[in-house]
């Protein structure tokens, strides 16, 4: 096969269908950027789970005098010193317990004022309304039910709360957003495929006389199809390149230079995660249009 002829045919095809080629590039770029963003978002959620689940604690809130008057779980009165000692002793005997931290009512009030110092409701609570608590770090955060079963309903215990439940709501929200992005990405890929097929069909129709002559003089189907397939592959590869630029720019500007400064507590994904996604984006961007063009040409290049 003469490479010069194939390259000249590719150039002719791209120039003849410039606007449709541009539309293919844009749609491929957007759809693959969404694909890469979805993959990176999945890695981000996994990274956050590994980071935060390691720091998850179970909180055992103890009854105070105010709870004894209003909360059915504390109907037998505020927690006593003996009850606190027994709860601590029982916690330390459990193998799944790594560490136990005690937070007094005064410490809880101090932390509350620090956390909500800018809120107009900061003065709505007093120190005697705050609850003492034991903050329990587990060796396995998934074993919350062991603590819940052992201490819920016990005298002096107002509530057993698992921080993992609060994090699960956040992670479910992030996963839901990721699914939505994947749905939009799928729609964009369908649009890109339709544009690719139409572009190839228009290009094949505009050169039907040339391809007919080539068929009559004995050119193989593969030889005739190759310029059209490469046109689609090149357009897709350019779109994939733009998608990679968008992902790299998003990582650099959005994550590194904004989110990491605004939300320092979150452990964001690194460049290694981006580097793993980019080759996949380029491969999909090149192969998807080529395969779509191959099947579209089977009918339109028959003479």
Protein backbone atom coordinates (compact mmCIF):
# COMPACT_ATOMS: atom_id res chain seq x y z
CA UNK A 1 0.00 0.00 0.00
CA UNK A 2 1.35 3.39 -0.93
CA UNK A 3 1.51 5.51 2.22
CA UNK A 4 1.60 8.73 0.22
CA UNK A 5 -1.75 7.95 -1.43
CA UNK A 6 -3.39 7.03 1.87
CA UNK A 7 -2.13 10.23 3.54
CA UNK A 8 -3.32 12.39 0.65
CA UNK A 9 -6.77 10.79 0.81
CA UNK A 10 -6.92 11.41 4.55
CA UNK A 11 -6.09 15.07 4.01
CA UNK A 12 -8.75 15.39 1.32
CA UNK A 13 -11.38 13.77 3.53
CA UNK A 14 -10.61 15.96 6.53
CA UNK A 15 -10.73 19.16 4.43
CA UNK A 16 -13.99 18.24 2.67
CA UNK A 17 -15.82 17.56 5.95
CA UNK A 18 -14.12 20.12 8.15
CA UNK A 19 -17.19 21.19 10.13
CA UNK A 20 -18.33 17.62 10.80
CA UNK A 21 -14.80 16.62 11.72
CA UNK A 22 -14.70 19.51 14.17
CA UNK A 23 -18.01 18.34 15.67
CA UNK A 24 -16.60 14.83 16.03
CA UNK A 25 -13.50 16.16 17.79
CA UNK A 26 -15.53 18.26 20.23
CA UNK A 27 -18.02 15.49 21.06
CA UNK A 28 -15.27 12.90 21.51
CA UNK A 29 -13.29 15.31 23.69
CA UNK A 30 -16.24 16.05 25.97
CA UNK A 31 -17.40 12.44 26.25
CA UNK A 32 -13.91 11.11 26.98
CA UNK A 33 -13.26 13.92 29.46
CA UNK A 34 -16.42 12.82 31.28
CA UNK A 35 -15.24 9.21 31.12
CA UNK A 36 -11.84 10.13 32.56
CA UNK A 37 -13.45 12.36 35.17
CA UNK A 38 -15.77 9.53 36.24
CA UNK A 39 -12.86 7.12 36.59
CA UNK A 40 -10.90 9.67 38.62
CA UNK A 41 -13.96 10.41 40.76
CA UNK A 42 -14.27 6.69 41.54
CA UNK A 43 -10.61 6.62 42.58
CA UNK A 44 -11.17 9.74 44.68
CA UNK A 45 -14.07 8.15 46.55
CA UNK A 46 -11.99 5.01 47.18
CA UNK A 47 -9.09 7.14 48.43
CA UNK A 48 -11.38 9.11 50.73
CA UNK A 49 -12.93 5.92 52.10
CA UNK A 50 -9.54 4.45 52.89
CA UNK A 51 -8.42 7.71 54.51
CA UNK A 52 -11.51 8.51 56.56
CA UNK A 53 -12.56 5.00 57.53
CA UNK A 54 -9.18 4.65 59.18
CA UNK A 55 -10.08 7.66 61.34
CA UNK A 56 -13.69 6.74 62.03
CA UNK A 57 -14.71 6.64 65.67
CA UNK A 58 -17.74 5.35 67.52
CA UNK A 59 -19.15 7.86 69.98
CA UNK A 60 -20.89 6.72 73.16
CA UNK A 61 -22.81 9.71 74.51
CA UNK A 62 -23.58 9.64 78.25
CA UNK A 63 -26.73 10.96 79.88
CA UNK A 64 -26.64 14.32 81.68
CA UNK A 65 -29.23 15.96 83.94
CA UNK A 66 -31.04 17.61 81.04
CA UNK A 67 -31.30 14.30 79.17
CA UNK A 68 -32.79 12.66 82.26
CA UNK A 69 -35.74 15.06 82.02
CA UNK A 70 -36.36 14.87 78.27
CA UNK A 71 -34.83 11.72 76.73
CA UNK A 72 -36.49 8.29 77.24
CA UNK A 73 -33.08 6.62 76.97
CA UNK A 74 -32.01 8.51 80.07
CA UNK A 75 -35.19 8.04 82.09
CA UNK A 76 -33.22 6.45 84.97
CA UNK A 77 -31.13 9.57 85.48
CA UNK A 78 -27.77 11.02 84.58
CA UNK A 79 -24.78 8.75 84.31
CA UNK A 80 -22.97 7.99 87.56
CA UNK A 81 -19.24 7.67 88.20
CA UNK A 82 -19.59 3.92 88.74
CA UNK A 83 -21.43 3.55 85.44
CA UNK A 84 -18.73 5.53 83.61
CA UNK A 85 -16.00 3.36 85.09
CA UNK A 86 -17.89 0.18 84.15
CA UNK A 87 -18.42 1.38 80.56
CA UNK A 88 -14.73 2.24 80.22
CA UNK A 89 -13.69 -1.11 81.68
CA UNK A 90 -15.97 -3.03 79.34
CA UNK A 91 -14.67 -1.08 76.34
CA UNK A 92 -11.05 -1.79 77.17
CA UNK A 93 -11.78 -5.51 77.42
CA UNK A 94 -13.07 -5.72 73.83
CA UNK A 95 -10.49 -6.92 71.31
CA UNK A 96 -11.89 -4.78 68.50
CA UNK A 97 -11.26 -1.58 70.50
CA UNK A 98 -7.99 0.11 69.61
CA UNK A 99 -8.18 3.28 71.72
CA UNK A 100 -10.72 5.01 73.96
CA UNK A 101 -10.82 8.78 74.42
CA UNK A 102 -12.90 10.46 77.11
CA UNK A 103 -14.43 13.86 76.37
CA UNK A 104 -15.86 15.74 79.30
CA UNK A 105 -18.84 18.10 79.09
CA UNK A 106 -16.52 21.12 79.43
CA UNK A 107 -14.29 19.84 76.63
CA UNK A 108 -17.33 19.17 74.44
CA UNK A 109 -18.56 22.72 75.09
CA UNK A 110 -15.16 24.16 74.21
CA UNK A 111 -15.03 22.19 70.95
CA UNK A 112 -18.60 23.27 70.17
CA UNK A 113 -17.73 26.96 70.57
CA UNK A 114 -14.63 26.56 68.40
CA UNK A 115 -16.53 24.77 65.66
CA UNK A 116 -19.55 27.10 65.59
CA UNK A 117 -17.89 30.36 66.63
CA UNK A 118 -19.36 32.22 63.65
CA UNK A 119 -22.88 30.88 64.11
CA UNK A 120 -25.56 33.11 65.69
CA UNK A 121 -26.66 30.03 67.66
CA UNK A 122 -23.32 29.62 69.41
CA UNK A 123 -24.71 31.03 72.68
CA UNK A 124 -27.84 28.88 72.61
CA UNK A 125 -26.18 26.08 74.61
CA UNK A 126 -24.42 26.08 77.95
CA UNK A 127 -21.74 23.78 79.33
CA UNK A 128 -24.18 21.84 81.51
CA UNK A 129 -26.23 20.92 78.42
CA UNK A 130 -23.29 19.22 76.74
CA UNK A 131 -22.79 15.47 77.05
CA UNK A 132 -19.79 13.54 78.17
CA UNK A 133 -18.77 10.88 75.72
CA UNK A 134 -16.33 8.08 75.02
CA UNK A 135 -14.79 8.24 71.55
CA UNK A 136 -13.84 4.72 70.52
CA UNK A 137 -11.40 3.93 67.73
CA UNK A 138 -11.92 0.40 66.40
CA UNK A 139 -9.34 -1.89 64.86
CA UNK A 140 -12.00 -2.70 62.24
CA UNK A 141 -14.46 0.17 61.58
CA UNK A 142 -17.01 -2.27 60.14
CA UNK A 143 -17.53 -3.87 63.58
CA UNK A 144 -19.68 -1.02 64.86
CA UNK A 145 -22.58 -3.37 65.66
CA UNK A 146 -20.50 -5.04 68.37
CA UNK A 147 -20.25 -1.73 70.24
CA UNK A 148 -23.83 -0.78 69.45
CA UNK A 149 -25.21 -4.07 70.76
CA UNK A 150 -23.06 -4.00 73.89
CA UNK A 151 -23.79 -0.43 75.00
CA UNK A 152 -27.08 0.75 73.47
CA UNK A 153 -29.82 0.79 76.11
CA UNK A 154 -27.37 0.53 78.98
CA UNK A 155 -28.03 2.73 81.99
CA UNK A 156 -26.23 6.05 81.65
CA UNK A 157 -25.88 5.76 77.84
CA UNK A 158 -27.94 8.21 75.80
CA UNK A 159 -26.84 7.14 72.30
CA UNK A 160 -24.22 5.14 70.43
CA UNK A 161 -23.33 6.86 67.17
CA UNK A 162 -21.17 5.56 64.34
CA UNK A 163 -19.38 8.29 62.39
CA UNK A 164 -19.18 5.90 59.44
CA UNK A 165 -22.91 6.38 58.88
CA UNK A 166 -22.35 10.12 58.41
CA UNK A 167 -19.53 9.45 55.95
CA UNK A 168 -21.64 6.92 54.06
CA UNK A 169 -24.14 9.66 53.22
CA UNK A 170 -21.35 11.74 51.73
CA UNK A 171 -19.93 8.82 49.77
CA UNK A 172 -23.38 7.84 48.50
CA UNK A 173 -23.84 11.42 47.26
CA UNK A 174 -20.46 11.31 45.49
CA UNK A 175 -21.26 7.91 43.96
CA UNK A 176 -24.61 9.24 42.77
CA UNK A 177 -22.91 12.20 41.10
CA UNK A 178 -20.45 9.77 39.50
CA UNK A 179 -23.31 7.66 38.10
CA UNK A 180 -24.92 10.82 36.71
CA UNK A 181 -21.63 11.75 35.02
CA UNK A 182 -21.39 8.26 33.52
CA UNK A 183 -24.92 8.58 32.13
CA UNK A 184 -24.07 11.92 30.51
CA UNK A 185 -20.82 10.39 29.22
CA UNK A 186 -22.74 7.50 27.65
CA UNK A 187 -25.09 9.92 25.92
CA UNK A 188 -22.14 11.94 24.64
CA UNK A 189 -20.44 8.79 23.34
CA UNK A 190 -23.60 7.84 21.44
CA UNK A 191 -23.72 11.31 19.93
CA UNK A 192 -20.03 11.05 19.01
CA UNK A 193 -20.55 7.66 17.36
CA UNK A 194 -23.48 8.96 15.32
CA UNK A 195 -21.41 11.93 14.20
CA UNK A 196 -18.51 9.66 13.26
CA UNK A 197 -20.78 7.36 11.25
CA UNK A 198 -22.41 10.28 9.46
CA UNK A 199 -19.06 11.92 8.74
CA UNK A 200 -17.69 8.70 7.26
CA UNK A 201 -20.82 8.16 5.19
CA UNK A 202 -20.69 11.70 3.79
CA UNK A 203 -17.00 11.31 3.02
CA UNK A 204 -17.60 7.96 1.32
CA UNK A 205 -20.51 9.34 -0.68
CA UNK A 206 -18.53 12.37 -1.86
CA UNK A 207 -15.76 10.06 -3.13
CA UNK A 208 -17.94 7.27 -4.46
CA UNK A 209 -16.63 7.72 -8.04
CA UNK A 210 -13.00 7.37 -6.95
CA UNK A 211 -13.71 4.34 -4.83
CA UNK A 212 -15.75 2.77 -7.66
CA UNK A 213 -12.83 3.14 -10.06
CA UNK A 214 -10.43 1.68 -7.48
CA UNK A 215 -12.74 -1.30 -7.03
CA UNK A 216 -12.96 -1.87 -10.81
CA UNK A 217 -9.16 -1.88 -11.20
CA UNK A 218 -8.83 -4.54 -8.51
CA UNK A 219 -8.08 -2.59 -5.30
CA UNK A 220 -8.87 -4.53 -2.16
CA UNK A 221 -11.61 -3.48 0.22
CA UNK A 222 -9.09 -2.88 3.00
CA UNK A 223 -7.03 -0.58 0.74
CA UNK A 224 -10.13 1.45 -0.09
CA UNK A 225 -11.39 1.61 3.48
CA UNK A 226 -8.10 2.52 5.12
CA UNK A 227 -8.15 6.30 4.40
CA UNK A 228 -11.69 6.62 5.80
CA UNK A 229 -10.86 4.59 8.90
CA UNK A 230 -7.72 6.63 9.53
CA UNK A 231 -9.66 9.87 9.10
CA UNK A 232 -12.02 8.82 11.88
CA UNK A 233 -9.16 7.54 14.04
CA UNK A 234 -7.22 10.78 13.68
CA UNK A 235 -10.26 12.89 14.53
CA UNK A 236 -10.93 10.70 17.56
CA UNK A 237 -7.30 10.86 18.65
CA UNK A 238 -7.33 14.66 18.45
CA UNK A 239 -10.50 14.68 20.55
CA UNK A 240 -8.88 12.31 23.05
CA UNK A 241 -5.89 14.64 23.21
CA UNK A 242 -8.16 17.55 24.11
CA UNK A 243 -9.84 15.34 26.73
CA UNK A 244 -6.43 14.60 28.28
CA UNK A 245 -5.67 18.33 28.36
CA UNK A 246 -8.99 18.94 30.15
CA UNK A 247 -8.22 16.24 32.74
CA UNK A 248 -4.70 17.52 33.36
CA UNK A 249 -5.99 21.09 33.61
CA UNK A 250 -8.73 19.99 36.01
CA UNK A 251 -6.21 18.22 38.22
CA UNK A 252 -3.79 21.16 38.22
CA UNK A 253 -6.18 24.11 38.55
CA UNK A 254 -9.27 22.64 40.23
CA UNK A 255 -7.70 20.15 42.64
CA UNK A 256 -4.09 21.22 43.24
CA UNK A 257 -4.57 24.99 43.25
CA UNK A 258 -8.09 25.33 44.65
CA UNK A 259 -9.67 22.35 46.39
CA UNK A 260 -6.53 21.32 48.27
CA UNK A 261 -6.25 24.85 49.64
CA UNK A 262 -9.96 25.14 50.46
CA UNK A 263 -10.42 21.62 51.88
CA UNK A 264 -7.06 20.54 53.38
CA UNK A 265 -8.65 17.68 55.36
CA UNK A 266 -9.37 15.63 52.22
CA UNK A 267 -6.68 13.39 50.80
CA UNK A 268 -7.04 14.04 47.06
CA UNK A 269 -5.86 11.75 44.27
CA UNK A 270 -2.35 12.29 42.91
CA UNK A 271 -0.87 12.57 39.44
CA UNK A 272 -0.34 8.80 39.35
CA UNK A 273 -4.12 8.30 39.15
CA UNK A 274 -4.33 10.75 36.24
CA UNK A 275 -1.40 9.07 34.49
CA UNK A 276 -3.21 5.71 34.63
CA UNK A 277 -6.34 7.14 32.98
CA UNK A 278 -4.71 9.07 30.11
CA UNK A 279 -3.53 6.04 28.06
CA UNK A 280 -7.04 4.54 28.29
CA UNK A 281 -8.56 7.82 27.07
CA UNK A 282 -6.18 7.94 24.09
CA UNK A 283 -6.79 4.29 23.21
CA UNK A 284 -10.58 4.65 23.36
CA UNK A 285 -10.42 7.90 21.41
CA UNK A 286 -8.52 6.25 18.57
CA UNK A 287 -10.12 2.80 18.46
CA UNK A 288 -13.78 3.76 18.93
CA UNK A 289 -14.01 5.95 15.79
CA UNK A 290 -11.93 3.48 13.77
CA UNK A 291 -14.22 0.56 14.63
CA UNK A 292 -17.34 2.67 14.01
CA UNK A 293 -15.97 3.75 10.61
CA UNK A 294 -15.10 0.18 9.67
CA UNK A 295 -18.66 -1.04 10.17
CA UNK A 296 -20.19 2.05 8.58
CA UNK A 297 -18.09 1.56 5.43
CA UNK A 298 -19.10 -2.05 4.83
CA UNK A 299 -22.28 -0.89 3.11
CA UNK A 300 -21.33 2.45 1.63
CA UNK A 301 -18.20 1.32 -0.21
CA UNK A 302 -19.87 -1.47 -2.14
CA UNK A 303 -19.84 -0.89 -5.87
